[in-house]
Amino acid sequence: MSEICTCFFLLPLLSVSYGSVSSMYLYQKNLHKFNIQAAYNLIYNASLLVEQGVGSALAISGLVSTSEHDPLAFIPLDPQVRMQTSFVWKKNHLLSRAAEVFLDELKEVFTLPFPCP
């Protein structure tokens, strides 16, 4: 295990609610070794706590700004954790124009395993 990952056993850790990607990683990697102090639902709120020095947070890359001008940094997990995401909506439900545009963008960006109505 890398030196960076080992430090997570000591630091107070913020983890997303049960059933999420980070909790999945933790359960696979001996949850009892981590110093989990809180759970969050919104990464923005967790990022504010991290910025104030409360602890570190497990999150998906790109959800919080980590540019050179930001006080936060993203350190990838090792080994890497991958996840599969699904987008669902109510069948035969009339979508708003904004929802239609969003769905069209998703269809363009992602390869769908089946035809989408």
PDB file of N, CA and C in Angstrom:
ATOM      1  N   MET A   1       0.853  -1.184   0.000  1.00  0.00           N
ATOM      2  CA  MET A   1       0.000   0.000   0.000  1.00  0.00           C
ATOM      3  C   MET A   1       0.888   1.234   0.000  1.00  0.00           C
ATOM      4  N   SER A   2       0.491   2.237  -0.745  1.00  0.00           N
ATOM      5  CA  SER A   2       1.334   3.423  -0.874  1.00  0.00           C
ATOM      6  C   SER A   2       1.374   4.228   0.426  1.00  0.00           C
ATOM      7  N   GLU A   3       2.399   5.072   0.542  1.00  0.00           N
ATOM      8  CA  GLU A   3       2.569   5.910   1.729  1.00  0.00           C
ATOM      9  C   GLU A   3       1.390   6.859   1.899  1.00  0.00           C
ATOM     10  N   ILE A   4       0.897   7.411   0.784  1.00  0.00           N
ATOM     11  CA  ILE A   4      -0.227   8.351   0.842  1.00  0.00           C
ATOM     12  C   ILE A   4      -1.473   7.653   1.352  1.00  0.00           C
ATOM     13  N   CYS A   5      -1.767   6.479   0.837  1.00  0.00           N
ATOM     14  CA  CYS A   5      -2.954   5.746   1.255  1.00  0.00           C
ATOM     15  C   CYS A   5      -2.867   5.360   2.723  1.00  0.00           C
ATOM     16  N   THR A   6      -1.702   4.994   3.206  1.00  0.00           N
ATOM     17  CA  THR A   6      -1.520   4.617   4.599  1.00  0.00           C
ATOM     18  C   THR A   6      -1.900   5.760   5.539  1.00  0.00           C
ATOM     19  N   CYS A   7      -1.646   6.999   5.124  1.00  0.00           N
ATOM     20  CA  CYS A   7      -1.966   8.124   6.003  1.00  0.00           C
ATOM     21  C   CYS A   7      -3.463   8.265   6.228  1.00  0.00           C
ATOM     22  N   PHE A   8      -4.293   7.720   5.339  1.00  0.00           N
ATOM     23  CA  PHE A   8      -5.740   7.802   5.528  1.00  0.00           C
ATOM     24  C   PHE A   8      -6.208   6.998   6.728  1.00  0.00           C
ATOM     25  N   PHE A   9      -5.392   6.042   7.174  1.00  0.00           N
ATOM     26  CA  PHE A   9      -5.766   5.284   8.360  1.00  0.00           C
ATOM     27  C   PHE A   9      -5.680   6.156   9.608  1.00  0.00           C
ATOM     28  N   LEU A  10      -4.869   7.207   9.573  1.00  0.00           N
ATOM     29  CA  LEU A  10      -4.647   8.065  10.726  1.00  0.00           C
ATOM     30  C   LEU A  10      -5.526   9.307  10.722  1.00  0.00           C
ATOM     31  N   LEU A  11      -5.762   9.882   9.541  1.00  0.00           N
ATOM     32  CA  LEU A  11      -6.520  11.128   9.429  1.00  0.00           C
ATOM     33  C   LEU A  11      -8.003  10.916   9.676  1.00  0.00           C
ATOM     34  N   PRO A  12      -8.669  11.917  10.253  1.00  0.00           N
ATOM     35  CA  PRO A  12     -10.130  11.857  10.288  1.00  0.00           C
ATOM     36  C   PRO A  12     -10.637  11.834   8.850  1.00  0.00           C
ATOM     37  N   LEU A  13     -11.552  10.932   8.545  1.00  0.00           N
ATOM     38  CA  LEU A  13     -12.008  10.739   7.170  1.00  0.00           C
ATOM     39  C   LEU A  13     -13.498  11.001   7.060  1.00  0.00           C
ATOM     40  N   LEU A  14     -13.889  11.731   6.018  1.00  0.00           N
ATOM     41  CA  LEU A  14     -15.286  11.958   5.693  1.00  0.00           C
ATOM     42  C   LEU A  14     -15.619  11.023   4.538  1.00  0.00           C
ATOM     43  N   SER A  15     -16.656  10.250   4.686  1.00  0.00           N
ATOM     44  CA  SER A  15     -17.043   9.292   3.655  1.00  0.00           C
ATOM     45  C   SER A  15     -18.482   9.572   3.237  1.00  0.00           C
ATOM     46  N   VAL A  16     -18.773   9.335   1.976  1.00  0.00           N
ATOM     47  CA  VAL A  16     -20.152   9.499   1.530  1.00  0.00           C
ATOM     48  C   VAL A  16     -21.006   8.428   2.191  1.00  0.00           C
ATOM     49  N   SER A  17     -22.303   8.624   2.154  1.00  0.00           N
ATOM     50  CA  SER A  17     -23.228   7.721   2.834  1.00  0.00           C
ATOM     51  C   SER A  17     -23.056   6.280   2.386  1.00  0.00           C
ATOM     52  N   TYR A  18     -23.497   5.368   3.220  1.00  0.00           N
ATOM     53  CA  TYR A  18     -23.375   3.931   2.977  1.00  0.00           C
ATOM     54  C   TYR A  18     -23.890   3.560   1.581  1.00  0.00           C
ATOM     55  N   GLY A  19     -23.207   2.647   0.913  1.00  0.00           N
ATOM     56  CA  GLY A  19     -23.626   2.172  -0.393  1.00  0.00           C
ATOM     57  C   GLY A  19     -22.977   2.914  -1.539  1.00  0.00           C
ATOM     58  N   SER A  20     -22.138   3.870  -1.241  1.00  0.00           N
ATOM     59  CA  SER A  20     -21.509   4.675  -2.280  1.00  0.00           C
ATOM     60  C   SER A  20     -20.183   4.075  -2.704  1.00  0.00           C
ATOM     61  N   VAL A  21     -19.545   4.738  -3.651  1.00  0.00           N
ATOM     62  CA  VAL A  21     -18.261   4.278  -4.175  1.00  0.00           C
ATOM     63  C   VAL A  21     -17.209   4.216  -3.081  1.00  0.00           C
ATOM     64  N   SER A  22     -17.080   5.283  -2.301  1.00  0.00           N
ATOM     65  CA  SER A  22     -16.017   5.281  -1.292  1.00  0.00           C
ATOM     66  C   SER A  22     -16.295   4.267  -0.200  1.00  0.00           C
ATOM     67  N   SER A  23     -17.552   4.108   0.193  1.00  0.00           N
ATOM     68  CA  SER A  23     -17.822   3.112   1.222  1.00  0.00           C
ATOM     69  C   SER A  23     -17.585   1.714   0.669  1.00  0.00           C
ATOM     70  N   MET A  24     -17.853   1.513  -0.631  1.00  0.00           N
ATOM     71  CA  MET A  24     -17.565   0.235  -1.266  1.00  0.00           C
ATOM     72  C   MET A  24     -16.062  -0.052  -1.188  1.00  0.00           C
ATOM     73  N   TYR A  25     -15.255   0.960  -1.476  1.00  0.00           N
ATOM     74  CA  TYR A  25     -13.796   0.824  -1.400  1.00  0.00           C
ATOM     75  C   TYR A  25     -13.369   0.504   0.031  1.00  0.00           C
ATOM     76  N   LEU A  26     -13.933   1.224   0.978  1.00  0.00           N
ATOM     77  CA  LEU A  26     -13.557   1.019   2.379  1.00  0.00           C
ATOM     78  C   LEU A  26     -13.910  -0.390   2.846  1.00  0.00           C
ATOM     79  N   TYR A  27     -15.096  -0.878   2.468  1.00  0.00           N
ATOM     80  CA  TYR A  27     -15.489  -2.207   2.902  1.00  0.00           C
ATOM     81  C   TYR A  27     -14.594  -3.276   2.294  1.00  0.00           C
ATOM     82  N   GLN A  28     -14.127  -3.031   1.084  1.00  0.00           N
ATOM     83  CA  GLN A  28     -13.215  -3.972   0.451  1.00  0.00           C
ATOM     84  C   GLN A  28     -11.833  -3.909   1.097  1.00  0.00           C
ATOM     85  N   LYS A  29     -11.491  -2.786   1.690  1.00  0.00           N
ATOM     86  CA  LYS A  29     -10.145  -2.564   2.221  1.00  0.00           C
ATOM     87  C   LYS A  29     -10.124  -2.424   3.743  1.00  0.00           C
ATOM     88  N   ASN A  30     -10.841  -3.260   4.445  1.00  0.00           N
ATOM     89  CA  ASN A  30     -10.781  -3.279   5.911  1.00  0.00           C
ATOM     90  C   ASN A  30     -11.278  -1.990   6.559  1.00  0.00           C
ATOM     91  N   LEU A  31     -12.549  -1.793   6.501  1.00  0.00           N
ATOM     92  CA  LEU A  31     -13.203  -0.595   7.029  1.00  0.00           C
ATOM     93  C   LEU A  31     -12.748  -0.249   8.444  1.00  0.00           C
ATOM     94  N   HIS A  32     -12.555  -1.228   9.277  1.00  0.00           N
ATOM     95  CA  HIS A  32     -12.212  -0.981  10.685  1.00  0.00           C
ATOM     96  C   HIS A  32     -10.889  -0.243  10.858  1.00  0.00           C
ATOM     97  N   LYS A  33     -10.038  -0.225   9.842  1.00  0.00           N
ATOM     98  CA  LYS A  33      -8.753   0.456   9.950  1.00  0.00           C
ATOM     99  C   LYS A  33      -8.868   1.965   9.720  1.00  0.00           C
ATOM    100  N   PHE A  34      -9.950   2.406   9.094  1.00  0.00           N
ATOM    101  CA  PHE A  34     -10.103   3.822   8.769  1.00  0.00           C
ATOM    102  C   PHE A  34     -10.712   4.591   9.930  1.00  0.00           C
ATOM    103  N   ASN A  35     -10.315   5.845  10.051  1.00  0.00           N
ATOM    104  CA  ASN A  35     -10.788   6.722  11.121  1.00  0.00           C
ATOM    105  C   ASN A  35     -11.946   7.577  10.594  1.00  0.00           C
ATOM    106  N   ILE A  36     -13.082   6.934  10.298  1.00  0.00           N
ATOM    107  CA  ILE A  36     -14.228   7.645   9.726  1.00  0.00           C
ATOM    108  C   ILE A  36     -14.925   8.429  10.831  1.00  0.00           C
ATOM    109  N   GLN A  37     -15.004   9.750  10.630  1.00  0.00           N
ATOM    110  CA  GLN A  37     -15.601  10.633  11.625  1.00  0.00           C
ATOM    111  C   GLN A  37     -16.964  11.162  11.220  1.00  0.00           C
ATOM    112  N   ALA A  38     -17.265  11.130   9.926  1.00  0.00           N
ATOM    113  CA  ALA A  38     -18.540  11.669   9.464  1.00  0.00           C
ATOM    114  C   ALA A  38     -18.877  11.122   8.091  1.00  0.00           C
ATOM    115  N   ALA A  39     -20.146  11.201   7.747  1.00  0.00           N
ATOM    116  CA  ALA A  39     -20.611  10.823   6.408  1.00  0.00           C
ATOM    117  C   ALA A  39     -21.287  12.045   5.794  1.00  0.00           C
ATOM    118  N   TYR A  40     -21.190  12.161   4.487  1.00  0.00           N
ATOM    119  CA  TYR A  40     -21.807  13.304   3.814  1.00  0.00           C
ATOM    120  C   TYR A  40     -22.619  12.850   2.612  1.00  0.00           C
ATOM    121  N   ASN A  41     -23.558  13.700   2.195  1.00  0.00           N
ATOM    122  CA  ASN A  41     -24.364  13.447   1.003  1.00  0.00           C
ATOM    123  C   ASN A  41     -23.935  14.330  -0.155  1.00  0.00           C
ATOM    124  N   LEU A  42     -23.418  15.503   0.135  1.00  0.00           N
ATOM    125  CA  LEU A  42     -23.012  16.452  -0.904  1.00  0.00           C
ATOM    126  C   LEU A  42     -21.517  16.740  -0.779  1.00  0.00           C
ATOM    127  N   ILE A  43     -20.772  16.482  -1.841  1.00  0.00           N
ATOM    128  CA  ILE A  43     -19.327  16.669  -1.804  1.00  0.00           C
ATOM    129  C   ILE A  43     -18.956  18.129  -1.558  1.00  0.00           C
ATOM    130  N   TYR A  44     -19.778  19.061  -2.010  1.00  0.00           N
ATOM    131  CA  TYR A  44     -19.474  20.472  -1.760  1.00  0.00           C
ATOM    132  C   TYR A  44     -19.376  20.740  -0.262  1.00  0.00           C
ATOM    133  N   ASN A  45     -20.338  20.217   0.497  1.00  0.00           N
ATOM    134  CA  ASN A  45     -20.317  20.412   1.950  1.00  0.00           C
ATOM    135  C   ASN A  45     -19.082  19.755   2.565  1.00  0.00           C
ATOM    136  N   ALA A  46     -18.754  18.562   2.107  1.00  0.00           N
ATOM    137  CA  ALA A  46     -17.568  17.882   2.616  1.00  0.00           C
ATOM    138  C   ALA A  46     -16.306  18.662   2.260  1.00  0.00           C
ATOM    139  N   SER A  47     -16.270  19.266   1.066  1.00  0.00           N
ATOM    140  CA  SER A  47     -15.086  20.028   0.662  1.00  0.00           C
ATOM    141  C   SER A  47     -14.867  21.236   1.570  1.00  0.00           C
ATOM    142  N   LEU A  48     -15.943  21.835   2.056  1.00  0.00           N
ATOM    143  CA  LEU A  48     -15.813  22.960   2.990  1.00  0.00           C
ATOM    144  C   LEU A  48     -15.192  22.495   4.311  1.00  0.00           C
ATOM    145  N   LEU A  49     -15.603  21.312   4.764  1.00  0.00           N
ATOM    146  CA  LEU A  49     -15.028  20.760   5.998  1.00  0.00           C
ATOM    147  C   LEU A  49     -13.555  20.413   5.807  1.00  0.00           C
ATOM    148  N   VAL A  50     -13.223  19.839   4.659  1.00  0.00           N
ATOM    149  CA  VAL A  50     -11.826  19.510   4.367  1.00  0.00           C
ATOM    150  C   VAL A  50     -10.990  20.784   4.328  1.00  0.00           C
ATOM    151  N   GLU A  51     -11.533  21.814   3.690  1.00  0.00           N
ATOM    152  CA  GLU A  51     -10.817  23.093   3.592  1.00  0.00           C
ATOM    153  C   GLU A  51     -10.542  23.695   4.968  1.00  0.00           C
ATOM    154  N   GLN A  52     -11.439  23.435   5.917  1.00  0.00           N
ATOM    155  CA  GLN A  52     -11.271  23.955   7.271  1.00  0.00           C
ATOM    156  C   GLN A  52     -10.402  23.045   8.138  1.00  0.00           C
ATOM    157  N   GLY A  53      -9.908  21.948   7.570  1.00  0.00           N
ATOM    158  CA  GLY A  53      -8.996  21.074   8.299  1.00  0.00           C
ATOM    159  C   GLY A  53      -9.663  20.010   9.156  1.00  0.00           C
ATOM    160  N   VAL A  54     -10.964  19.775   8.951  1.00  0.00           N
ATOM    161  CA  VAL A  54     -11.675  18.777   9.752  1.00  0.00           C
ATOM    162  C   VAL A  54     -11.168  17.370   9.446  1.00  0.00           C
ATOM    163  N   GLY A  55     -10.804  17.120   8.188  1.00  0.00           N
ATOM    164  CA  GLY A  55     -10.320  15.802   7.795  1.00  0.00           C
ATOM    165  C   GLY A  55     -10.148  15.740   6.291  1.00  0.00           C
ATOM    166  N   SER A  56     -10.029  14.530   5.784  1.00  0.00           N
ATOM    167  CA  SER A  56      -9.947  14.281   4.350  1.00  0.00           C
ATOM    168  C   SER A  56     -11.254  13.650   3.916  1.00  0.00           C
ATOM    169  N   ALA A  57     -11.552  13.706   2.620  1.00  0.00           N
ATOM    170  CA  ALA A  57     -12.793  13.122   2.112  1.00  0.00           C
ATOM    171  C   ALA A  57     -12.508  12.233   0.924  1.00  0.00           C
ATOM    172  N   LEU A  58     -13.227  11.131   0.855  1.00  0.00           N
ATOM    173  CA  LEU A  58     -13.187  10.282  -0.326  1.00  0.00           C
ATOM    174  C   LEU A  58     -14.239  10.804  -1.295  1.00  0.00           C
ATOM    175  N   ALA A  59     -13.846  10.993  -2.556  1.00  0.00           N
ATOM    176  CA  ALA A  59     -14.776  11.543  -3.541  1.00  0.00           C
ATOM    177  C   ALA A  59     -14.388  11.093  -4.939  1.00  0.00           C
ATOM    178  N   ILE A  60     -15.293  11.288  -5.871  1.00  0.00           N
ATOM    179  CA  ILE A  60     -15.038  11.001  -7.273  1.00  0.00           C
ATOM    180  C   ILE A  60     -14.295  12.192  -7.867  1.00  0.00           C
ATOM    181  N   SER A  61     -13.269  11.912  -8.631  1.00  0.00           N
ATOM    182  CA  SER A  61     -12.453  12.954  -9.253  1.00  0.00           C
ATOM    183  C   SER A  61     -13.307  13.878 -10.121  1.00  0.00           C
ATOM    184  N   GLY A  62     -13.017  15.178 -10.039  1.00  0.00           N
ATOM    185  CA  GLY A  62     -13.687  16.153 -10.884  1.00  0.00           C
ATOM    186  C   GLY A  62     -14.933  16.779 -10.289  1.00  0.00           C
ATOM    187  N   LEU A  63     -15.375  16.312  -9.137  1.00  0.00           N
ATOM    188  CA  LEU A  63     -16.579  16.878  -8.533  1.00  0.00           C
ATOM    189  C   LEU A  63     -16.301  18.150  -7.752  1.00  0.00           C
ATOM    190  N   VAL A  64     -15.047  18.346  -7.374  1.00  0.00           N
ATOM    191  CA  VAL A  64     -14.629  19.533  -6.640  1.00  0.00           C
ATOM    192  C   VAL A  64     -13.429  20.121  -7.363  1.00  0.00           C
ATOM    193  N   SER A  65     -13.375  21.425  -7.428  1.00  0.00           N
ATOM    194  CA  SER A  65     -12.258  22.077  -8.110  1.00  0.00           C
ATOM    195  C   SER A  65     -10.965  21.864  -7.335  1.00  0.00           C
ATOM    196  N   THR A  66      -9.952  21.364  -8.045  1.00  0.00           N
ATOM    197  CA  THR A  66      -8.643  21.129  -7.431  1.00  0.00           C
ATOM    198  C   THR A  66      -7.534  21.726  -8.300  1.00  0.00           C
ATOM    199  N   SER A  67      -7.832  22.881  -8.895  1.00  0.00           N
ATOM    200  CA  SER A  67      -6.814  23.528  -9.729  1.00  0.00           C
ATOM    201  C   SER A  67      -5.704  24.081  -8.839  1.00  0.00           C
ATOM    202  N   GLU A  68      -4.659  24.592  -9.451  1.00  0.00           N
ATOM    203  CA  GLU A  68      -3.512  25.087  -8.681  1.00  0.00           C
ATOM    204  C   GLU A  68      -3.876  26.254  -7.771  1.00  0.00           C
ATOM    205  N   HIS A  69      -4.999  26.928  -8.035  1.00  0.00           N
ATOM    206  CA  HIS A  69      -5.417  28.073  -7.222  1.00  0.00           C
ATOM    207  C   HIS A  69      -6.361  27.670  -6.083  1.00  0.00           C
ATOM    208  N   ASP A  70      -6.760  26.408  -6.060  1.00  0.00           N
ATOM    209  CA  ASP A  70      -7.674  25.922  -5.028  1.00  0.00           C
ATOM    210  C   ASP A  70      -6.898  25.309  -3.865  1.00  0.00           C
ATOM    211  N   PRO A  71      -7.475  25.362  -2.672  1.00  0.00           N
ATOM    212  CA  PRO A  71      -6.769  24.827  -1.493  1.00  0.00           C
ATOM    213  C   PRO A  71      -6.837  23.303  -1.386  1.00  0.00           C
ATOM    214  N   LEU A  72      -7.623  22.648  -2.238  1.00  0.00           N
ATOM    215  CA  LEU A  72      -7.794  21.201  -2.156  1.00  0.00           C
ATOM    216  C   LEU A  72      -7.003  20.489  -3.241  1.00  0.00           C
ATOM    217  N   ALA A  73      -6.661  19.246  -2.980  1.00  0.00           N
ATOM    218  CA  ALA A  73      -5.955  18.411  -3.952  1.00  0.00           C
ATOM    219  C   ALA A  73      -6.670  17.073  -4.060  1.00  0.00           C
ATOM    220  N   PHE A  74      -6.573  16.463  -5.224  1.00  0.00           N
ATOM    221  CA  PHE A  74      -7.147  15.138  -5.435  1.00  0.00           C
ATOM    222  C   PHE A  74      -6.010  14.133  -5.520  1.00  0.00           C
ATOM    223  N   ILE A  75      -6.079  13.080  -4.710  1.00  0.00           N
ATOM    224  CA  ILE A  75      -5.082  12.014  -4.726  1.00  0.00           C
ATOM    225  C   ILE A  75      -5.819  10.723  -5.080  1.00  0.00           C
ATOM    226  N   PRO A  76      -5.518  10.130  -6.231  1.00  0.00           N
ATOM    227  CA  PRO A  76      -6.222   8.896  -6.636  1.00  0.00           C
ATOM    228  C   PRO A  76      -5.962   7.740  -5.683  1.00  0.00           C
ATOM    229  N   LEU A  77      -6.944   6.877  -5.540  1.00  0.00           N
ATOM    230  CA  LEU A  77      -6.791   5.678  -4.723  1.00  0.00           C
ATOM    231  C   LEU A  77      -5.922   4.671  -5.473  1.00  0.00           C
ATOM    232  N   ASP A  78      -5.197   3.874  -4.710  1.00  0.00           N
ATOM    233  CA  ASP A  78      -4.378   2.844  -5.307  1.00  0.00           C
ATOM    234  C   ASP A  78      -4.593   1.561  -4.518  1.00  0.00           C
ATOM    235  N   PRO A  79      -5.204   0.542  -5.075  1.00  0.00           N
ATOM    236  CA  PRO A  79      -5.566   0.385  -6.471  1.00  0.00           C
ATOM    237  C   PRO A  79      -6.783   1.237  -6.830  1.00  0.00           C
ATOM    238  N   GLN A  80      -6.879   1.534  -8.117  1.00  0.00           N
ATOM    239  CA  GLN A  80      -7.947   2.378  -8.631  1.00  0.00           C
ATOM    240  C   GLN A  80      -9.303   1.705  -8.431  1.00  0.00           C
ATOM    241  N   VAL A  81     -10.317   2.501  -8.125  1.00  0.00           N
ATOM    242  CA  VAL A  81     -11.679   2.002  -7.952  1.00  0.00           C
ATOM    243  C   VAL A  81     -12.507   2.486  -9.137  1.00  0.00           C
ATOM    244  N   ARG A  82     -13.185   1.568  -9.784  1.00  0.00           N
ATOM    245  CA  ARG A  82     -14.048   1.925 -10.920  1.00  0.00           C
ATOM    246  C   ARG A  82     -15.489   1.669 -10.528  1.00  0.00           C
ATOM    247  N   MET A  83     -16.385   2.425 -11.144  1.00  0.00           N
ATOM    248  CA  MET A  83     -17.809   2.234 -10.856  1.00  0.00           C
ATOM    249  C   MET A  83     -18.614   2.332 -12.134  1.00  0.00           C
ATOM    250  N   GLN A  84     -19.791   1.785 -12.081  1.00  0.00           N
ATOM    251  CA  GLN A  84     -20.716   1.870 -13.203  1.00  0.00           C
ATOM    252  C   GLN A  84     -21.902   2.711 -12.734  1.00  0.00           C
ATOM    253  N   THR A  85     -22.312   3.645 -13.565  1.00  0.00           N
ATOM    254  CA  THR A  85     -23.401   4.542 -13.209  1.00  0.00           C
ATOM    255  C   THR A  85     -24.555   4.360 -14.181  1.00  0.00           C
ATOM    256  N   SER A  86     -25.757   4.492 -13.679  1.00  0.00           N
ATOM    257  CA  SER A  86     -26.949   4.395 -14.526  1.00  0.00           C
ATOM    258  C   SER A  86     -27.741   5.687 -14.428  1.00  0.00           C
ATOM    259  N   PHE A  87     -28.364   6.046 -15.514  1.00  0.00           N
ATOM    260  CA  PHE A  87     -29.260   7.203 -15.534  1.00  0.00           C
ATOM    261  C   PHE A  87     -30.641   6.674 -15.862  1.00  0.00           C
ATOM    262  N   VAL A  88     -31.605   6.926 -14.993  1.00  0.00           N
ATOM    263  CA  VAL A  88     -32.960   6.398 -15.185  1.00  0.00           C
ATOM    264  C   VAL A  88     -33.972   7.522 -15.099  1.00  0.00           C
ATOM    265  N   TRP A  89     -35.090   7.328 -15.768  1.00  0.00           N
ATOM    266  CA  TRP A  89     -36.194   8.269 -15.679  1.00  0.00           C
ATOM    267  C   TRP A  89     -37.483   7.495 -15.810  1.00  0.00           C
ATOM    268  N   LYS A  90     -38.580   8.108 -15.416  1.00  0.00           N
ATOM    269  CA  LYS A  90     -39.878   7.446 -15.409  1.00  0.00           C
ATOM    270  C   LYS A  90     -40.327   7.151 -16.835  1.00  0.00           C
ATOM    271  N   LYS A  91     -40.705   5.923 -17.058  1.00  0.00           N
ATOM    272  CA  LYS A  91     -41.151   5.467 -18.371  1.00  0.00           C
ATOM    273  C   LYS A  91     -42.429   6.209 -18.791  1.00  0.00           C
ATOM    274  N   ASN A  92     -42.504   6.584 -20.069  1.00  0.00           N
ATOM    275  CA  ASN A  92     -43.676   7.259 -20.648  1.00  0.00           C
ATOM    276  C   ASN A  92     -44.007   8.575 -19.937  1.00  0.00           C
ATOM    277  N   HIS A  93     -43.019   9.203 -19.355  1.00  0.00           N
ATOM    278  CA  HIS A  93     -43.225  10.477 -18.657  1.00  0.00           C
ATOM    279  C   HIS A  93     -42.766  11.609 -19.560  1.00  0.00           C
ATOM    280  N   LEU A  94     -43.573  12.636 -19.684  1.00  0.00           N
ATOM    281  CA  LEU A  94     -43.225  13.791 -20.503  1.00  0.00           C
ATOM    282  C   LEU A  94     -42.104  14.570 -19.814  1.00  0.00           C
ATOM    283  N   LEU A  95     -40.970  14.719 -20.510  1.00  0.00           N
ATOM    284  CA  LEU A  95     -39.826  15.415 -19.946  1.00  0.00           C
ATOM    285  C   LEU A  95     -39.891  16.906 -20.269  1.00  0.00           C
ATOM    286  N   SER A  96     -39.358  17.724 -19.372  1.00  0.00           N
ATOM    287  CA  SER A  96     -39.255  19.159 -19.642  1.00  0.00           C
ATOM    288  C   SER A  96     -38.243  19.358 -20.764  1.00  0.00           C
ATOM    289  N   ARG A  97     -38.226  20.526 -21.353  1.00  0.00           N
ATOM    290  CA  ARG A  97     -37.272  20.815 -22.434  1.00  0.00           C
ATOM    291  C   ARG A  97     -35.837  20.680 -21.917  1.00  0.00           C
ATOM    292  N   ALA A  98     -35.592  21.167 -20.705  1.00  0.00           N
ATOM    293  CA  ALA A  98     -34.250  21.073 -20.116  1.00  0.00           C
ATOM    294  C   ALA A  98     -33.844  19.610 -19.929  1.00  0.00           C
ATOM    295  N   ALA A  99     -34.772  18.777 -19.468  1.00  0.00           N
ATOM    296  CA  ALA A  99     -34.482  17.351 -19.273  1.00  0.00           C
ATOM    297  C   ALA A  99     -34.220  16.667 -20.611  1.00  0.00           C
ATOM    298  N   GLU A 100     -34.968  17.044 -21.652  1.00  0.00           N
ATOM    299  CA  GLU A 100     -34.743  16.481 -22.989  1.00  0.00           C
ATOM    300  C   GLU A 100     -33.351  16.833 -23.511  1.00  0.00           C
ATOM    301  N   VAL A 101     -32.951  18.088 -23.340  1.00  0.00           N
ATOM    302  CA  VAL A 101     -31.627  18.523 -23.788  1.00  0.00           C
ATOM    303  C   VAL A 101     -30.543  17.772 -23.011  1.00  0.00           C
ATOM    304  N   PHE A 102     -30.732  17.642 -21.714  1.00  0.00           N
ATOM    305  CA  PHE A 102     -29.777  16.922 -20.882  1.00  0.00           C
ATOM    306  C   PHE A 102     -29.656  15.468 -21.342  1.00  0.00           C
ATOM    307  N   LEU A 103     -30.789  14.819 -21.595  1.00  0.00           N
ATOM    308  CA  LEU A 103     -30.790  13.432 -22.044  1.00  0.00           C
ATOM    309  C   LEU A 103     -30.112  13.300 -23.410  1.00  0.00           C
ATOM    310  N   ASP A 104     -30.360  14.244 -24.299  1.00  0.00           N
ATOM    311  CA  ASP A 104     -29.704  14.238 -25.612  1.00  0.00           C
ATOM    312  C   ASP A 104     -28.185  14.346 -25.463  1.00  0.00           C
ATOM    313  N   GLU A 105     -27.732  15.195 -24.550  1.00  0.00           N
ATOM    314  CA  GLU A 105     -26.293  15.333 -24.303  1.00  0.00           C
ATOM    315  C   GLU A 105     -25.702  14.036 -23.760  1.00  0.00           C
ATOM    316  N   LEU A 106     -26.424  13.397 -22.834  1.00  0.00           N
ATOM    317  CA  LEU A 106     -25.954  12.124 -22.299  1.00  0.00           C
ATOM    318  C   LEU A 106     -25.817  11.084 -23.408  1.00  0.00           C
ATOM    319  N   LYS A 107     -26.798  11.044 -24.299  1.00  0.00           N
ATOM    320  CA  LYS A 107     -26.770  10.084 -25.401  1.00  0.00           C
ATOM    321  C   LYS A 107     -25.573  10.335 -26.314  1.00  0.00           C
ATOM    322  N   GLU A 108     -25.214  11.589 -26.508  1.00  0.00           N
ATOM    323  CA  GLU A 108     -24.069  11.917 -27.355  1.00  0.00           C
ATOM    324  C   GLU A 108     -22.744  11.559 -26.693  1.00  0.00           C
ATOM    325  N   VAL A 109     -22.645  11.805 -25.415  1.00  0.00           N
ATOM    326  CA  VAL A 109     -21.382  11.623 -24.701  1.00  0.00           C
ATOM    327  C   VAL A 109     -21.119  10.156 -24.374  1.00  0.00           C
ATOM    328  N   PHE A 110     -22.146   9.440 -23.987  1.00  0.00           N
ATOM    329  CA  PHE A 110     -21.962   8.066 -23.530  1.00  0.00           C
ATOM    330  C   PHE A 110     -22.497   7.069 -24.539  1.00  0.00           C
ATOM    331  N   THR A 111     -21.846   5.939 -24.621  1.00  0.00           N
ATOM    332  CA  THR A 111     -22.311   4.846 -25.455  1.00  0.00           C
ATOM    333  C   THR A 111     -23.350   4.076 -24.662  1.00  0.00           C
ATOM    334  N   LEU A 112     -24.526   3.971 -25.206  1.00  0.00           N
ATOM    335  CA  LEU A 112     -25.589   3.255 -24.503  1.00  0.00           C
ATOM    336  C   LEU A 112     -25.621   1.798 -24.967  1.00  0.00           C
ATOM    337  N   PRO A 113     -25.805   0.865 -24.042  1.00  0.00           N
ATOM    338  CA  PRO A 113     -25.790  -0.551 -24.402  1.00  0.00           C
ATOM    339  C   PRO A 113     -27.079  -1.011 -25.103  1.00  0.00           C
ATOM    340  N   PHE A 114     -28.060  -0.117 -25.202  1.00  0.00           N
ATOM    341  CA  PHE A 114     -29.343  -0.458 -25.824  1.00  0.00           C
ATOM    342  C   PHE A 114     -29.947   0.812 -26.400  1.00  0.00           C
ATOM    343  N   PRO A 115     -30.895   0.690 -27.336  1.00  0.00           N
ATOM    344  CA  PRO A 115     -31.532   1.896 -27.903  1.00  0.00           C
ATOM    345  C   PRO A 115     -32.274   2.665 -26.834  1.00  0.00           C
ATOM    346  N   CYS A 116     -32.202   3.960 -26.914  1.00  0.00           N
ATOM    347  CA  CYS A 116     -32.840   4.831 -25.940  1.00  0.00           C
ATOM    348  C   CYS A 116     -34.011   5.538 -26.596  1.00  0.00           C
ATOM    349  N   PRO A 117     -35.196   5.535 -25.979  1.00  0.00           N
ATOM    350  CA  PRO A 117     -36.371   6.204 -26.598  1.00  0.00           C
ATOM    351  C   PRO A 117     -36.189   7.695 -26.721  1.00  0.00           C
TER     352      PRO A 117
END
